[in-house]
């Protein structure tokens, strides 16, 4: 597929950042009733999606360092939302699991997220949304491909 020659306006990156910030802000406002920090609810949601995740894998997924993620898990465990279970194959590892108490909170968070998503997409027709998702996916693939290239492989760099 040929690449279109279009103006490379950098405003789209700022718009994506603004969109992300606004979505987080509105979600945070609606989720205050749970008494969780953003890091805590992100961790809880991730563990619910991937039960048995290690603390290290969770830290990588959330792009956090080991000590701060440990504190997040400690607080979630103290609140009764998460439990650490020993890994049967490696006694140095702890696997993270949400508790029954957490499932209700995660379900409520999903309802909040779904409602916010519906409100955010109000007035956007399905075809435009599908095209938007396709463009975002292409940008993501382009950026992921940069991770596999060496500096000299990139266009515009001398070989």
Protein backbone atom coordinates (compact mmCIF):
# COMPACT_ATOMS: atom_id res chain seq x y z
CA UNK A 1 0.00 0.00 0.00
CA UNK A 2 1.42 3.38 -1.02
CA UNK A 3 2.05 5.98 1.64
CA UNK A 4 0.13 9.20 1.18
CA UNK A 5 2.15 12.40 0.92
CA UNK A 6 0.51 14.59 3.53
CA UNK A 7 1.47 17.52 5.65
CA UNK A 8 3.24 16.23 8.74
CA UNK A 9 1.54 18.51 11.23
CA UNK A 10 2.80 17.65 14.69
CA UNK A 11 -0.43 18.77 16.37
CA UNK A 12 -1.82 15.22 16.28
CA UNK A 13 0.68 14.11 18.95
CA UNK A 14 -0.42 16.94 21.23
CA UNK A 15 -4.06 16.10 20.53
CA UNK A 16 -3.43 12.46 21.50
CA UNK A 17 -1.77 13.61 24.70
CA UNK A 18 -4.66 15.96 25.47
CA UNK A 19 -7.19 13.23 24.74
CA UNK A 20 -5.42 10.81 27.07
CA UNK A 21 -5.13 13.42 29.83
CA UNK A 22 -8.81 14.36 29.57
CA UNK A 23 -9.96 10.74 29.59
CA UNK A 24 -7.85 10.07 32.71
CA UNK A 25 -9.12 13.23 34.42
CA UNK A 26 -12.77 12.37 33.84
CA UNK A 27 -12.27 8.73 34.80
CA UNK A 28 -10.45 9.76 37.99
CA UNK A 29 -13.31 12.07 38.96
CA UNK A 30 -15.85 9.30 38.53
CA UNK A 31 -13.72 6.69 40.27
CA UNK A 32 -12.97 8.70 43.43
CA UNK A 33 -15.67 6.76 45.27
CA UNK A 34 -13.35 3.72 45.29
CA UNK A 35 -10.61 5.56 47.18
CA UNK A 36 -7.93 4.20 44.86
CA UNK A 37 -5.09 6.10 43.26
CA UNK A 38 -4.69 5.90 39.50
CA UNK A 39 -1.69 3.60 39.95
CA UNK A 40 -3.77 1.34 42.20
CA UNK A 41 -6.74 1.05 39.87
CA UNK A 42 -4.46 0.51 36.87
CA UNK A 43 -2.66 -2.25 38.76
CA UNK A 44 -5.94 -3.79 39.89
CA UNK A 45 -7.35 -3.76 36.36
CA UNK A 46 -4.17 -5.29 34.95
CA UNK A 47 -4.05 -8.07 37.54
CA UNK A 48 -7.75 -8.80 36.97
CA UNK A 49 -7.05 -9.14 33.24
CA UNK A 50 -3.97 -11.29 33.77
CA UNK A 51 -4.27 -13.31 37.00
CA UNK A 52 -1.00 -14.77 38.25
CA UNK A 53 1.07 -11.91 36.88
CA UNK A 54 4.38 -11.43 38.67
CA UNK A 55 5.15 -8.16 40.39
CA UNK A 56 8.00 -7.57 37.94
CA UNK A 57 5.74 -8.15 34.92
CA UNK A 58 3.16 -5.78 36.39
CA UNK A 59 5.83 -3.11 36.90
CA UNK A 60 6.94 -3.48 33.28
CA UNK A 61 3.38 -3.35 32.00
CA UNK A 62 2.60 -0.19 33.99
CA UNK A 63 6.05 1.29 33.27
CA UNK A 64 6.84 1.65 36.96
CA UNK A 65 9.92 0.86 39.01
CA UNK A 66 10.03 -2.09 41.43
CA UNK A 67 9.82 -0.11 44.69
CA UNK A 68 6.78 2.04 43.76
CA UNK A 69 4.91 -0.96 42.32
CA UNK A 70 5.69 -2.87 45.51
CA UNK A 71 4.06 -0.08 47.53
CA UNK A 72 1.02 -0.10 45.25
CA UNK A 73 0.65 -3.87 45.71
CA UNK A 74 1.17 -3.56 49.47
CA UNK A 75 -1.68 -1.04 49.71
CA UNK A 76 -3.96 -3.12 47.50
CA UNK A 77 -3.19 -6.18 49.61
CA UNK A 78 -3.86 -4.29 52.86
CA UNK A 79 -7.18 -3.11 51.45
CA UNK A 80 -8.13 -6.69 50.62
CA UNK A 81 -8.10 -6.29 46.82
CA UNK A 82 -5.02 -8.33 45.93
CA UNK A 83 -3.27 -11.38 47.27
CA UNK A 84 0.24 -12.59 46.66
CA UNK A 85 0.63 -16.32 46.09
CA UNK A 86 3.92 -18.16 45.97
CA UNK A 87 4.93 -19.37 42.53
CA UNK A 88 5.03 -23.19 42.65
CA UNK A 89 8.01 -23.33 40.27
CA UNK A 90 10.10 -20.51 41.77
CA UNK A 91 9.82 -19.76 45.47
CA UNK A 92 11.41 -16.32 44.95
CA UNK A 93 8.43 -15.18 42.85
CA UNK A 94 5.03 -14.06 44.01
CA UNK A 95 2.04 -14.24 41.71
CA UNK A 96 -0.64 -11.58 41.99
CA UNK A 97 -4.36 -12.34 42.08
CA UNK A 98 -7.39 -10.17 42.71
CA UNK A 99 -9.77 -11.11 45.49
CA UNK A 100 -13.55 -11.43 45.34
CA UNK A 101 -13.77 -7.94 46.84
CA UNK A 102 -11.74 -6.58 43.91
CA UNK A 103 -13.97 -8.15 41.26
CA UNK A 104 -16.88 -5.90 42.26
CA UNK A 105 -14.64 -2.81 42.08
CA UNK A 106 -13.22 -3.85 38.70
CA UNK A 107 -16.76 -4.41 37.40
CA UNK A 108 -17.76 -0.93 38.61
CA UNK A 109 -14.63 0.58 37.04
CA UNK A 110 -15.55 -1.10 33.74
CA UNK A 111 -19.03 0.45 33.93
CA UNK A 112 -17.49 3.88 34.52
CA UNK A 113 -15.04 3.40 31.65
CA UNK A 114 -17.79 2.22 29.29
CA UNK A 115 -19.99 5.18 30.16
CA UNK A 116 -17.15 7.65 29.70
CA UNK A 117 -16.21 6.06 26.39
CA UNK A 118 -19.80 6.40 25.16
CA UNK A 119 -19.89 10.06 26.19
CA UNK A 120 -16.50 10.76 24.59
CA UNK A 121 -17.59 9.17 21.31
CA UNK A 122 -20.90 11.02 21.18
CA UNK A 123 -21.39 12.45 17.70
CA UNK A 124 -18.63 10.32 16.15
CA UNK A 125 -20.00 8.10 13.40
CA UNK A 126 -18.96 4.46 13.19
CA UNK A 127 -17.07 4.80 9.88
CA UNK A 128 -14.96 7.67 11.20
CA UNK A 129 -14.24 5.74 14.38
CA UNK A 130 -13.16 2.65 12.45
CA UNK A 131 -10.86 4.81 10.29
CA UNK A 132 -9.48 6.49 13.42
CA UNK A 133 -8.70 3.11 14.98
CA UNK A 134 -7.04 1.96 11.77
CA UNK A 135 -4.81 5.07 11.70
CA UNK A 136 -3.90 4.67 15.38
CA UNK A 137 -2.98 1.03 14.78
CA UNK A 138 -0.75 1.99 11.82
CA UNK A 139 1.01 4.65 13.90
CA UNK A 140 1.51 2.11 16.67
CA UNK A 141 2.96 -0.45 14.23
CA UNK A 142 5.31 2.21 12.86
CA UNK A 143 6.54 3.05 16.36
CA UNK A 144 6.90 -0.61 17.37
CA UNK A 145 8.95 -1.19 14.22
CA UNK A 146 11.37 1.51 15.39
CA UNK A 147 12.17 -0.69 18.39
CA UNK A 148 13.48 -3.39 16.07
CA UNK A 149 15.56 -1.11 13.83
CA UNK A 150 19.06 -0.05 14.60
CA UNK A 151 19.89 3.64 14.50
CA UNK A 152 21.69 3.28 11.13
CA UNK A 153 18.73 1.44 9.57
CA UNK A 154 16.46 4.45 9.93
CA UNK A 155 15.71 6.57 6.89
CA UNK A 156 17.78 9.74 6.75
CA UNK A 157 20.73 8.28 8.65
CA UNK A 158 24.01 7.70 6.76
CA UNK A 159 25.05 4.06 6.45
